[in-house]
Amino acid sequence: QVQLVESGGGLVQPGGSLRLSCATSGIIVGVSNTGWYRQAPGKERELVARVEPIRFGSKTDYADFVEDRFTIARDNLKNTVALQMNNLKHEDTAIYYCFSEDYWGQGTQVTVSS
């Protein structure tokens, strides 16, 4: 059974940082297309960042709105994927979902507010 469990969300002030983590079981993230989506209230779910499988060079991809503020990191030994988010903005407020291939976590809330 595949499970993805996110953690690390919370309330942060504009300009602050958060590190999201996604623990997985039943799937090998190193051979999977893995990353993060987010969904803000009233908006569609959108890709934030992803990392390709090792066989494709572990290439990373970021949404334009990331603007070099976020970094995705996959740990092949721990089978986890993290998202370091710096210089957070109000518009980053959303539920952040970890995915690996066709599997999804339950999401973690990120709220950026002063």
PDB file of N, CA and C in Angstrom:
ATOM      1  N   GLN A   1       0.852  -1.188   0.000  1.00  0.00           N
ATOM      2  CA  GLN A   1       0.000   0.000   0.000  1.00  0.00           C
ATOM      3  C   GLN A   1       0.891   1.241   0.000  1.00  0.00           C
ATOM      4  N   VAL A   2       0.619   2.135  -0.923  1.00  0.00           N
ATOM      5  CA  VAL A   2       1.404   3.352  -1.041  1.00  0.00           C
ATOM      6  C   VAL A   2       0.832   4.431  -0.123  1.00  0.00           C
ATOM      7  N   GLN A   3       1.715   5.069   0.618  1.00  0.00           N
ATOM      8  CA  GLN A   3       1.298   6.174   1.470  1.00  0.00           C
ATOM      9  C   GLN A   3       2.281   7.329   1.331  1.00  0.00           C
ATOM     10  N   LEU A   4       1.738   8.530   1.264  1.00  0.00           N
ATOM     11  CA  LEU A   4       2.530   9.752   1.276  1.00  0.00           C
ATOM     12  C   LEU A   4       1.972  10.634   2.387  1.00  0.00           C
ATOM     13  N   VAL A   5       2.833  11.071   3.277  1.00  0.00           N
ATOM     14  CA  VAL A   5       2.393  11.863   4.420  1.00  0.00           C
ATOM     15  C   VAL A   5       3.219  13.144   4.488  1.00  0.00           C
ATOM     16  N   GLU A   6       2.541  14.275   4.331  1.00  0.00           N
ATOM     17  CA  GLU A   6       3.208  15.569   4.390  1.00  0.00           C
ATOM     18  C   GLU A   6       3.256  16.091   5.817  1.00  0.00           C
ATOM     19  N   SER A   7       4.257  16.909   6.077  1.00  0.00           N
ATOM     20  CA  SER A   7       4.367  17.606   7.356  1.00  0.00           C
ATOM     21  C   SER A   7       5.145  18.898   7.121  1.00  0.00           C
ATOM     22  N   GLY A   8       5.085  19.771   8.115  1.00  0.00           N
ATOM     23  CA  GLY A   8       5.879  20.989   8.060  1.00  0.00           C
ATOM     24  C   GLY A   8       5.117  22.248   7.715  1.00  0.00           C
ATOM     25  N   GLY A   9       3.843  22.127   7.413  1.00  0.00           N
ATOM     26  CA  GLY A   9       3.066  23.320   7.130  1.00  0.00           C
ATOM     27  C   GLY A   9       2.803  24.122   8.388  1.00  0.00           C
ATOM     28  N   GLY A  10       2.239  25.300   8.202  1.00  0.00           N
ATOM     29  CA  GLY A  10       1.940  26.134   9.352  1.00  0.00           C
ATOM     30  C   GLY A  10       1.721  27.567   8.960  1.00  0.00           C
ATOM     31  N   LEU A  11       1.730  28.423   9.978  1.00  0.00           N
ATOM     32  CA  LEU A  11       1.539  29.857   9.796  1.00  0.00           C
ATOM     33  C   LEU A  11       2.896  30.544   9.838  1.00  0.00           C
ATOM     34  N   VAL A  12       3.151  31.382   8.860  1.00  0.00           N
ATOM     35  CA  VAL A  12       4.429  32.085   8.795  1.00  0.00           C
ATOM     36  C   VAL A  12       4.184  33.500   8.293  1.00  0.00           C
ATOM     37  N   GLN A  13       5.010  34.429   8.718  1.00  0.00           N
ATOM     38  CA  GLN A  13       4.876  35.813   8.263  1.00  0.00           C
ATOM     39  C   GLN A  13       5.488  35.966   6.868  1.00  0.00           C
ATOM     40  N   PRO A  14       5.039  36.959   6.135  1.00  0.00           N
ATOM     41  CA  PRO A  14       5.662  37.231   4.827  1.00  0.00           C
ATOM     42  C   PRO A  14       7.166  37.410   4.977  1.00  0.00           C
ATOM     43  N   GLY A  15       7.898  36.817   4.037  1.00  0.00           N
ATOM     44  CA  GLY A  15       9.357  36.841   4.119  1.00  0.00           C
ATOM     45  C   GLY A  15       9.951  35.694   4.894  1.00  0.00           C
ATOM     46  N   GLY A  16       9.120  34.933   5.562  1.00  0.00           N
ATOM     47  CA  GLY A  16       9.596  33.818   6.364  1.00  0.00           C
ATOM     48  C   GLY A  16       9.828  32.561   5.538  1.00  0.00           C
ATOM     49  N   SER A  17      10.197  31.496   6.238  1.00  0.00           N
ATOM     50  CA  SER A  17      10.530  30.227   5.578  1.00  0.00           C
ATOM     51  C   SER A  17       9.789  29.066   6.225  1.00  0.00           C
ATOM     52  N   LEU A  18       9.564  28.050   5.432  1.00  0.00           N
ATOM     53  CA  LEU A  18       9.030  26.788   5.911  1.00  0.00           C
ATOM     54  C   LEU A  18       9.696  25.671   5.128  1.00  0.00           C
ATOM     55  N   ARG A  19       9.792  24.522   5.759  1.00  0.00           N
ATOM     56  CA  ARG A  19      10.297  23.344   5.076  1.00  0.00           C
ATOM     57  C   ARG A  19       9.245  22.254   5.165  1.00  0.00           C
ATOM     58  N   LEU A  20       8.716  21.872   4.025  1.00  0.00           N
ATOM     59  CA  LEU A  20       7.736  20.795   3.965  1.00  0.00           C
ATOM     60  C   LEU A  20       8.460  19.473   3.716  1.00  0.00           C
ATOM     61  N   SER A  21       7.954  18.439   4.346  1.00  0.00           N
ATOM     62  CA  SER A  21       8.521  17.110   4.153  1.00  0.00           C
ATOM     63  C   SER A  21       7.432  16.135   3.742  1.00  0.00           C
ATOM     64  N   CYS A  22       7.813  15.161   2.960  1.00  0.00           N
ATOM     65  CA  CYS A  22       6.872  14.128   2.518  1.00  0.00           C
ATOM     66  C   CYS A  22       7.520  12.769   2.751  1.00  0.00           C
ATOM     67  N   ALA A  23       6.981  12.045   3.698  1.00  0.00           N
ATOM     68  CA  ALA A  23       7.452  10.687   3.984  1.00  0.00           C
ATOM     69  C   ALA A  23       6.630   9.709   3.158  1.00  0.00           C
ATOM     70  N   THR A  24       7.288   8.757   2.546  1.00  0.00           N
ATOM     71  CA  THR A  24       6.571   7.821   1.686  1.00  0.00           C
ATOM     72  C   THR A  24       6.810   6.379   2.128  1.00  0.00           C
ATOM     73  N   SER A  25       5.897   5.532   1.750  1.00  0.00           N
ATOM     74  CA  SER A  25       6.048   4.099   1.932  1.00  0.00           C
ATOM     75  C   SER A  25       5.344   3.403   0.781  1.00  0.00           C
ATOM     76  N   GLY A  26       5.872   2.257   0.384  1.00  0.00           N
ATOM     77  CA  GLY A  26       5.254   1.509  -0.699  1.00  0.00           C
ATOM     78  C   GLY A  26       5.611   1.994  -2.087  1.00  0.00           C
ATOM     79  N   ILE A  27       6.505   2.969  -2.163  1.00  0.00           N
ATOM     80  CA  ILE A  27       6.919   3.495  -3.456  1.00  0.00           C
ATOM     81  C   ILE A  27       8.374   3.924  -3.337  1.00  0.00           C
ATOM     82  N   ILE A  28       9.100   3.848  -4.426  1.00  0.00           N
ATOM     83  CA  ILE A  28      10.505   4.258  -4.443  1.00  0.00           C
ATOM     84  C   ILE A  28      10.593   5.581  -5.176  1.00  0.00           C
ATOM     85  N   VAL A  29      10.842   6.643  -4.440  1.00  0.00           N
ATOM     86  CA  VAL A  29      10.778   7.981  -5.039  1.00  0.00           C
ATOM     87  C   VAL A  29      11.874   8.179  -6.075  1.00  0.00           C
ATOM     88  N   GLY A  30      12.977   7.454  -5.932  1.00  0.00           N
ATOM     89  CA  GLY A  30      14.082   7.624  -6.875  1.00  0.00           C
ATOM     90  C   GLY A  30      13.753   7.163  -8.285  1.00  0.00           C
ATOM     91  N   VAL A  31      12.763   6.313  -8.426  1.00  0.00           N
ATOM     92  CA  VAL A  31      12.383   5.839  -9.762  1.00  0.00           C
ATOM     93  C   VAL A  31      11.054   6.434 -10.189  1.00  0.00           C
ATOM     94  N   SER A  32      10.597   7.454  -9.462  1.00  0.00           N
ATOM     95  CA  SER A  32       9.273   8.032  -9.695  1.00  0.00           C
ATOM     96  C   SER A  32       9.371   9.518  -9.970  1.00  0.00           C
ATOM     97  N   ASN A  33       8.410  10.018 -10.703  1.00  0.00           N
ATOM     98  CA  ASN A  33       8.250  11.457 -10.882  1.00  0.00           C
ATOM     99  C   ASN A  33       7.577  11.977  -9.611  1.00  0.00           C
ATOM    100  N   THR A  34       8.270  12.796  -8.866  1.00  0.00           N
ATOM    101  CA  THR A  34       7.847  13.155  -7.509  1.00  0.00           C
ATOM    102  C   THR A  34       7.923  14.663  -7.323  1.00  0.00           C
ATOM    103  N   GLY A  35       7.015  15.195  -6.531  1.00  0.00           N
ATOM    104  CA  GLY A  35       7.099  16.631  -6.284  1.00  0.00           C
ATOM    105  C   GLY A  35       5.958  17.158  -5.464  1.00  0.00           C
ATOM    106  N   TRP A  36       5.663  18.440  -5.678  1.00  0.00           N
ATOM    107  CA  TRP A  36       4.667  19.153  -4.889  1.00  0.00           C
ATOM    108  C   TRP A  36       3.729  19.955  -5.794  1.00  0.00           C
ATOM    109  N   TYR A  37       2.453  19.884  -5.449  1.00  0.00           N
ATOM    110  CA  TYR A  37       1.439  20.744  -6.012  1.00  0.00           C
ATOM    111  C   TYR A  37       0.883  21.589  -4.869  1.00  0.00           C
ATOM    112  N   ARG A  38       0.129  22.600  -5.222  1.00  0.00           N
ATOM    113  CA  ARG A  38      -0.591  23.362  -4.216  1.00  0.00           C
ATOM    114  C   ARG A  38      -1.945  23.778  -4.758  1.00  0.00           C
ATOM    115  N   GLN A  39      -2.850  24.042  -3.824  1.00  0.00           N
ATOM    116  CA  GLN A  39      -4.181  24.509  -4.191  1.00  0.00           C
ATOM    117  C   GLN A  39      -4.619  25.582  -3.216  1.00  0.00           C
ATOM    118  N   ALA A  40      -4.822  26.771  -3.748  1.00  0.00           N
ATOM    119  CA  ALA A  40      -5.305  27.885  -2.946  1.00  0.00           C
ATOM    120  C   ALA A  40      -6.827  27.912  -3.001  1.00  0.00           C
ATOM    121  N   PRO A  41      -7.465  28.531  -2.027  1.00  0.00           N
ATOM    122  CA  PRO A  41      -8.940  28.591  -2.020  1.00  0.00           C
ATOM    123  C   PRO A  41      -9.482  29.189  -3.313  1.00  0.00           C
ATOM    124  N   GLY A  42     -10.430  28.483  -3.920  1.00  0.00           N
ATOM    125  CA  GLY A  42     -11.065  28.982  -5.128  1.00  0.00           C
ATOM    126  C   GLY A  42     -10.228  28.858  -6.383  1.00  0.00           C
ATOM    127  N   LYS A  43      -9.076  28.217  -6.273  1.00  0.00           N
ATOM    128  CA  LYS A  43      -8.196  28.067  -7.434  1.00  0.00           C
ATOM    129  C   LYS A  43      -7.950  26.598  -7.742  1.00  0.00           C
ATOM    130  N   GLU A  44      -7.468  26.333  -8.934  1.00  0.00           N
ATOM    131  CA  GLU A  44      -7.142  24.971  -9.316  1.00  0.00           C
ATOM    132  C   GLU A  44      -5.794  24.563  -8.717  1.00  0.00           C
ATOM    133  N   ARG A  45      -5.634  23.269  -8.594  1.00  0.00           N
ATOM    134  CA  ARG A  45      -4.359  22.750  -8.114  1.00  0.00           C
ATOM    135  C   ARG A  45      -3.287  23.038  -9.168  1.00  0.00           C
ATOM    136  N   GLU A  46      -2.109  23.478  -8.712  1.00  0.00           N
ATOM    137  CA  GLU A  46      -1.042  23.826  -9.634  1.00  0.00           C
ATOM    138  C   GLU A  46       0.283  23.233  -9.183  1.00  0.00           C
ATOM    139  N   LEU A  47       1.102  22.921 -10.160  1.00  0.00           N
ATOM    140  CA  LEU A  47       2.411  22.361  -9.867  1.00  0.00           C
ATOM    141  C   LEU A  47       3.307  23.412  -9.230  1.00  0.00           C
ATOM    142  N   VAL A  48       4.027  23.021  -8.200  1.00  0.00           N
ATOM    143  CA  VAL A  48       5.001  23.899  -7.565  1.00  0.00           C
ATOM    144  C   VAL A  48       6.409  23.509  -8.008  1.00  0.00           C
ATOM    145  N   ALA A  49       6.731  22.246  -7.811  1.00  0.00           N
ATOM    146  CA  ALA A  49       8.063  21.759  -8.158  1.00  0.00           C
ATOM    147  C   ALA A  49       8.012  20.249  -8.292  1.00  0.00           C
ATOM    148  N   ARG A  50       8.902  19.721  -9.124  1.00  0.00           N
ATOM    149  CA  ARG A  50       8.985  18.276  -9.262  1.00  0.00           C
ATOM    150  C   ARG A  50      10.415  17.874  -9.567  1.00  0.00           C
ATOM    151  N   VAL A  51      10.713  16.621  -9.309  1.00  0.00           N
ATOM    152  CA  VAL A  51      12.026  16.083  -9.623  1.00  0.00           C
ATOM    153  C   VAL A  51      11.826  14.779 -10.382  1.00  0.00           C
ATOM    154  N   GLU A  52      12.533  14.644 -11.466  1.00  0.00           N
ATOM    155  CA  GLU A  52      12.378  13.472 -12.319  1.00  0.00           C
ATOM    156  C   GLU A  52      13.139  12.281 -11.722  1.00  0.00           C
ATOM    157  N   PRO A  53      12.792  11.081 -12.169  1.00  0.00           N
ATOM    158  CA  PRO A  53      13.483   9.891 -11.661  1.00  0.00           C
ATOM    159  C   PRO A  53      14.993   9.934 -11.935  1.00  0.00           C
ATOM    160  N   ILE A  54      15.716   9.147 -11.209  1.00  0.00           N
ATOM    161  CA  ILE A  54      17.170   9.087 -11.353  1.00  0.00           C
ATOM    162  C   ILE A  54      17.560   8.771 -12.794  1.00  0.00           C
ATOM    163  N   ARG A  55      16.827   7.871 -13.430  1.00  0.00           N
ATOM    164  CA  ARG A  55      17.188   7.446 -14.799  1.00  0.00           C
ATOM    165  C   ARG A  55      17.056   8.598 -15.802  1.00  0.00           C
ATOM    166  N   PHE A  56      16.358   9.648 -15.425  1.00  0.00           N
ATOM    167  CA  PHE A  56      16.230  10.840 -16.276  1.00  0.00           C
ATOM    168  C   PHE A  56      17.085  11.984 -15.735  1.00  0.00           C
ATOM    169  N   GLY A  57      18.039  11.639 -14.891  1.00  0.00           N
ATOM    170  CA  GLY A  57      18.978  12.639 -14.410  1.00  0.00           C
ATOM    171  C   GLY A  57      18.517  13.459 -13.223  1.00  0.00           C
ATOM    172  N   SER A  58      17.376  13.078 -12.624  1.00  0.00           N
ATOM    173  CA  SER A  58      16.855  13.816 -11.458  1.00  0.00           C
ATOM    174  C   SER A  58      16.684  15.301 -11.752  1.00  0.00           C
ATOM    175  N   LYS A  59      16.282  15.587 -12.967  1.00  0.00           N
ATOM    176  CA  LYS A  59      16.072  16.978 -13.361  1.00  0.00           C
ATOM    177  C   LYS A  59      14.945  17.585 -12.530  1.00  0.00           C
ATOM    178  N   THR A  60      15.132  18.833 -12.108  1.00  0.00           N
ATOM    179  CA  THR A  60      14.097  19.523 -11.333  1.00  0.00           C
ATOM    180  C   THR A  60      13.380  20.561 -12.197  1.00  0.00           C
ATOM    181  N   ASP A  61      12.152  20.785 -11.836  1.00  0.00           N
ATOM    182  CA  ASP A  61      11.291  21.713 -12.559  1.00  0.00           C
ATOM    183  C   ASP A  61      10.549  22.558 -11.548  1.00  0.00           C
ATOM    184  N   TYR A  62      10.457  23.859 -11.776  1.00  0.00           N
ATOM    185  CA  TYR A  62       9.761  24.747 -10.867  1.00  0.00           C
ATOM    186  C   TYR A  62       8.751  25.596 -11.629  1.00  0.00           C
ATOM    187  N   ALA A  63       7.658  25.915 -10.968  1.00  0.00           N
ATOM    188  CA  ALA A  63       6.705  26.842 -11.542  1.00  0.00           C
ATOM    189  C   ALA A  63       7.326  28.229 -11.608  1.00  0.00           C
ATOM    190  N   ASP A  64       6.852  29.032 -12.539  1.00  0.00           N
ATOM    191  CA  ASP A  64       7.402  30.377 -12.698  1.00  0.00           C
ATOM    192  C   ASP A  64       7.252  31.205 -11.423  1.00  0.00           C
ATOM    193  N   PHE A  65       6.167  30.983 -10.703  1.00  0.00           N
ATOM    194  CA  PHE A  65       5.920  31.822  -9.524  1.00  0.00           C
ATOM    195  C   PHE A  65       6.910  31.531  -8.393  1.00  0.00           C
ATOM    196  N   VAL A  66       7.649  30.442  -8.498  1.00  0.00           N
ATOM    197  CA  VAL A  66       8.618  30.119  -7.457  1.00  0.00           C
ATOM    198  C   VAL A  66       9.740  31.155  -7.412  1.00  0.00           C
ATOM    199  N   GLU A  67      10.196  31.591  -8.572  1.00  0.00           N
ATOM    200  CA  GLU A  67      11.173  32.688  -8.661  1.00  0.00           C
ATOM    201  C   GLU A  67      12.401  32.444  -7.794  1.00  0.00           C
ATOM    202  N   ASP A  68      12.913  31.210  -7.813  1.00  0.00           N
ATOM    203  CA  ASP A  68      14.140  30.845  -7.078  1.00  0.00           C
ATOM    204  C   ASP A  68      13.971  30.911  -5.559  1.00  0.00           C
ATOM    205  N   ARG A  69      12.761  30.924  -5.060  1.00  0.00           N
ATOM    206  CA  ARG A  69      12.548  30.980  -3.619  1.00  0.00           C
ATOM    207  C   ARG A  69      12.452  29.587  -2.989  1.00  0.00           C
ATOM    208  N   PHE A  70      12.077  28.592  -3.785  1.00  0.00           N
ATOM    209  CA  PHE A  70      11.849  27.241  -3.271  1.00  0.00           C
ATOM    210  C   PHE A  70      12.903  26.288  -3.822  1.00  0.00           C
ATOM    211  N   THR A  71      13.186  25.249  -3.046  1.00  0.00           N
ATOM    212  CA  THR A  71      14.097  24.205  -3.491  1.00  0.00           C
ATOM    213  C   THR A  71      13.507  22.845  -3.147  1.00  0.00           C
ATOM    214  N   ILE A  72      13.428  21.989  -4.154  1.00  0.00           N
ATOM    215  CA  ILE A  72      12.948  20.626  -3.923  1.00  0.00           C
ATOM    216  C   ILE A  72      14.160  19.713  -3.728  1.00  0.00           C
ATOM    217  N   ALA A  73      14.021  18.784  -2.782  1.00  0.00           N
ATOM    218  CA  ALA A  73      15.131  17.882  -2.496  1.00  0.00           C
ATOM    219  C   ALA A  73      14.593  16.484  -2.238  1.00  0.00           C
ATOM    220  N   ARG A  74      15.134  15.527  -2.925  1.00  0.00           N
ATOM    221  CA  ARG A  74      14.716  14.133  -2.756  1.00  0.00           C
ATOM    222  C   ARG A  74      15.830  13.369  -2.040  1.00  0.00           C
ATOM    223  N   ASP A  75      15.456  12.598  -1.057  1.00  0.00           N
ATOM    224  CA  ASP A  75      16.408  11.749  -0.343  1.00  0.00           C
ATOM    225  C   ASP A  75      16.114  10.302  -0.732  1.00  0.00           C
ATOM    226  N   ASN A  76      16.968   9.745  -1.565  1.00  0.00           N
ATOM    227  CA  ASN A  76      16.706   8.407  -2.090  1.00  0.00           C
ATOM    228  C   ASN A  76      16.878   7.310  -1.041  1.00  0.00           C
ATOM    229  N   LEU A  77      17.681   7.567  -0.026  1.00  0.00           N
ATOM    230  CA  LEU A  77      17.874   6.569   1.026  1.00  0.00           C
ATOM    231  C   LEU A  77      16.693   6.565   1.993  1.00  0.00           C
ATOM    232  N   LYS A  78      16.218   7.746   2.346  1.00  0.00           N
ATOM    233  CA  LYS A  78      15.090   7.840   3.272  1.00  0.00           C
ATOM    234  C   LYS A  78      13.761   7.755   2.546  1.00  0.00           C
ATOM    235  N   ASN A  79      13.792   7.831   1.226  1.00  0.00           N
ATOM    236  CA  ASN A  79      12.571   7.761   0.420  1.00  0.00           C
ATOM    237  C   ASN A  79      11.624   8.918   0.750  1.00  0.00           C
ATOM    238  N   THR A  80      12.197  10.100   0.844  1.00  0.00           N
ATOM    239  CA  THR A  80      11.415  11.286   1.176  1.00  0.00           C
ATOM    240  C   THR A  80      11.673  12.371   0.138  1.00  0.00           C
ATOM    241  N   VAL A  81      10.782  13.352   0.128  1.00  0.00           N
ATOM    242  CA  VAL A  81      10.991  14.525  -0.700  1.00  0.00           C
ATOM    243  C   VAL A  81      10.604  15.749   0.114  1.00  0.00           C
ATOM    244  N   ALA A  82      11.411  16.774   0.036  1.00  0.00           N
ATOM    245  CA  ALA A  82      11.190  17.974   0.828  1.00  0.00           C
ATOM    246  C   ALA A  82      11.069  19.187  -0.082  1.00  0.00           C
ATOM    247  N   LEU A  83      10.449  20.222   0.452  1.00  0.00           N
ATOM    248  CA  LEU A  83      10.344  21.489  -0.260  1.00  0.00           C
ATOM    249  C   LEU A  83      10.728  22.589   0.709  1.00  0.00           C
ATOM    250  N   GLN A  84      11.883  23.184   0.474  1.00  0.00           N
ATOM    251  CA  GLN A  84      12.321  24.330   1.268  1.00  0.00           C
ATOM    252  C   GLN A  84      11.761  25.587   0.629  1.00  0.00           C
ATOM    253  N   MET A  85      10.997  26.347   1.406  1.00  0.00           N
ATOM    254  CA  MET A  85      10.351  27.549   0.881  1.00  0.00           C
ATOM    255  C   MET A  85      10.865  28.758   1.648  1.00  0.00           C
ATOM    256  N   ASN A  86      11.467  29.679   0.937  1.00  0.00           N
ATOM    257  CA  ASN A  86      12.001  30.903   1.527  1.00  0.00           C
ATOM    258  C   ASN A  86      11.279  32.114   0.968  1.00  0.00           C
ATOM    259  N   ASN A  87      11.396  33.212   1.679  1.00  0.00           N
ATOM    260  CA  ASN A  87      10.803  34.477   1.222  1.00  0.00           C
ATOM    261  C   ASN A  87       9.335  34.284   0.833  1.00  0.00           C
ATOM    262  N   LEU A  88       8.591  33.686   1.727  1.00  0.00           N
ATOM    263  CA  LEU A  88       7.190  33.378   1.431  1.00  0.00           C
ATOM    264  C   LEU A  88       6.358  34.638   1.300  1.00  0.00           C
ATOM    265  N   LYS A  89       5.356  34.549   0.434  1.00  0.00           N
ATOM    266  CA  LYS A  89       4.467  35.681   0.163  1.00  0.00           C
ATOM    267  C   LYS A  89       3.033  35.284   0.517  1.00  0.00           C
ATOM    268  N   HIS A  90       2.195  36.299   0.669  1.00  0.00           N
ATOM    269  CA  HIS A  90       0.785  36.043   0.959  1.00  0.00           C
ATOM    270  C   HIS A  90       0.200  35.050  -0.054  1.00  0.00           C
ATOM    271  N   GLU A  91       0.546  35.236  -1.313  1.00  0.00           N
ATOM    272  CA  GLU A  91      -0.036  34.417  -2.374  1.00  0.00           C
ATOM    273  C   GLU A  91       0.455  32.973  -2.376  1.00  0.00           C
ATOM    274  N   ASP A  92       1.395  32.639  -1.507  1.00  0.00           N
ATOM    275  CA  ASP A  92       1.822  31.256  -1.361  1.00  0.00           C
ATOM    276  C   ASP A  92       0.892  30.473  -0.435  1.00  0.00           C
ATOM    277  N   THR A  93      -0.060  31.152   0.167  1.00  0.00           N
ATOM    278  CA  THR A  93      -1.010  30.478   1.043  1.00  0.00           C
ATOM    279  C   THR A  93      -1.812  29.457   0.246  1.00  0.00           C
ATOM    280  N   ALA A  94      -1.778  28.217   0.693  1.00  0.00           N
ATOM    281  CA  ALA A  94      -2.441  27.128  -0.029  1.00  0.00           C
ATOM    282  C   ALA A  94      -2.269  25.837   0.756  1.00  0.00           C
ATOM    283  N   ILE A  95      -2.971  24.829   0.313  1.00  0.00           N
ATOM    284  CA  ILE A  95      -2.681  23.473   0.781  1.00  0.00           C
ATOM    285  C   ILE A  95      -1.652  22.883  -0.175  1.00  0.00           C
ATOM    286  N   TYR A  96      -0.584  22.357   0.384  1.00  0.00           N
ATOM    287  CA  TYR A  96       0.490  21.799  -0.420  1.00  0.00           C
ATOM    288  C   TYR A  96       0.412  20.272  -0.370  1.00  0.00           C
ATOM    289  N   TYR A  97       0.425  19.688  -1.555  1.00  0.00           N
ATOM    290  CA  TYR A  97       0.286  18.248  -1.688  1.00  0.00           C
ATOM    291  C   TYR A  97       1.562  17.643  -2.269  1.00  0.00           C
ATOM    292  N   CYS A  98       1.992  16.583  -1.661  1.00  0.00           N
ATOM    293  CA  CYS A  98       3.093  15.796  -2.188  1.00  0.00           C
ATOM    294  C   CYS A  98       2.525  14.748  -3.153  1.00  0.00           C
ATOM    295  N   PHE A  99       3.231  14.499  -4.243  1.00  0.00           N
ATOM    296  CA  PHE A  99       2.804  13.447  -5.149  1.00  0.00           C
ATOM    297  C   PHE A  99       4.006  12.628  -5.593  1.00  0.00           C
ATOM    298  N   SER A 100       3.737  11.394  -5.943  1.00  0.00           N
ATOM    299  CA  SER A 100       4.744  10.526  -6.537  1.00  0.00           C
ATOM    300  C   SER A 100       4.025   9.631  -7.527  1.00  0.00           C
ATOM    301  N   GLU A 101       4.325   9.829  -8.787  1.00  0.00           N
ATOM    302  CA  GLU A 101       3.575   9.203  -9.874  1.00  0.00           C
ATOM    303  C   GLU A 101       2.089   9.535  -9.683  1.00  0.00           C
ATOM    304  N   ASP A 102       1.240   8.543  -9.537  1.00  0.00           N
ATOM    305  CA  ASP A 102      -0.199   8.795  -9.439  1.00  0.00           C
ATOM    306  C   ASP A 102      -0.701   8.815  -7.998  1.00  0.00           C
ATOM    307  N   TYR A 103       0.221   8.844  -7.057  1.00  0.00           N
ATOM    308  CA  TYR A 103      -0.173   8.801  -5.649  1.00  0.00           C
ATOM    309  C   TYR A 103      -0.019  10.179  -5.010  1.00  0.00           C
ATOM    310  N   TRP A 104      -0.906  10.465  -4.065  1.00  0.00           N
ATOM    311  CA  TRP A 104      -0.961  11.777  -3.442  1.00  0.00           C
ATOM    312  C   TRP A 104      -1.037  11.666  -1.924  1.00  0.00           C
ATOM    313  N   GLY A 105      -0.486  12.685  -1.280  1.00  0.00           N
ATOM    314  CA  GLY A 105      -0.670  12.799   0.155  1.00  0.00           C
ATOM    315  C   GLY A 105      -1.959  13.538   0.461  1.00  0.00           C
ATOM    316  N   GLN A 106      -2.216  13.726   1.749  1.00  0.00           N
ATOM    317  CA  GLN A 106      -3.453  14.372   2.168  1.00  0.00           C
ATOM    318  C   GLN A 106      -3.345  15.892   2.191  1.00  0.00           C
ATOM    319  N   GLY A 107      -2.137  16.393   2.084  1.00  0.00           N
ATOM    320  CA  GLY A 107      -1.936  17.837   2.041  1.00  0.00           C
ATOM    321  C   GLY A 107      -1.563  18.424   3.383  1.00  0.00           C
ATOM    322  N   THR A 108      -0.856  19.546   3.329  1.00  0.00           N
ATOM    323  CA  THR A 108      -0.505  20.287   4.534  1.00  0.00           C
ATOM    324  C   THR A 108      -0.743  21.776   4.259  1.00  0.00           C
ATOM    325  N   GLN A 109      -1.361  22.437   5.223  1.00  0.00           N
ATOM    326  CA  GLN A 109      -1.747  23.835   5.038  1.00  0.00           C
ATOM    327  C   GLN A 109      -0.555  24.759   5.279  1.00  0.00           C
ATOM    328  N   VAL A 110      -0.353  25.667   4.355  1.00  0.00           N
ATOM    329  CA  VAL A 110       0.632  26.742   4.521  1.00  0.00           C
ATOM    330  C   VAL A 110      -0.122  28.061   4.461  1.00  0.00           C
ATOM    331  N   THR A 111       0.024  28.847   5.520  1.00  0.00           N
ATOM    332  CA  THR A 111      -0.630  30.148   5.589  1.00  0.00           C
ATOM    333  C   THR A 111       0.432  31.214   5.799  1.00  0.00           C
ATOM    334  N   VAL A 112       0.456  32.172   4.892  1.00  0.00           N
ATOM    335  CA  VAL A 112       1.410  33.280   4.994  1.00  0.00           C
ATOM    336  C   VAL A 112       0.612  34.531   5.329  1.00  0.00           C
ATOM    337  N   SER A 113       0.816  35.029   6.527  1.00  0.00           N
ATOM    338  CA  SER A 113       0.031  36.163   6.996  1.00  0.00           C
ATOM    339  C   SER A 113       0.796  36.925   8.069  1.00  0.00           C
ATOM    340  N   SER A 114       0.590  38.227   8.076  1.00  0.00           N
ATOM    341  CA  SER A 114       1.203  39.046   9.119  1.00  0.00           C
ATOM    342  C   SER A 114       0.215  39.265  10.261  1.00  0.00           C
TER     343      SER A 114
END
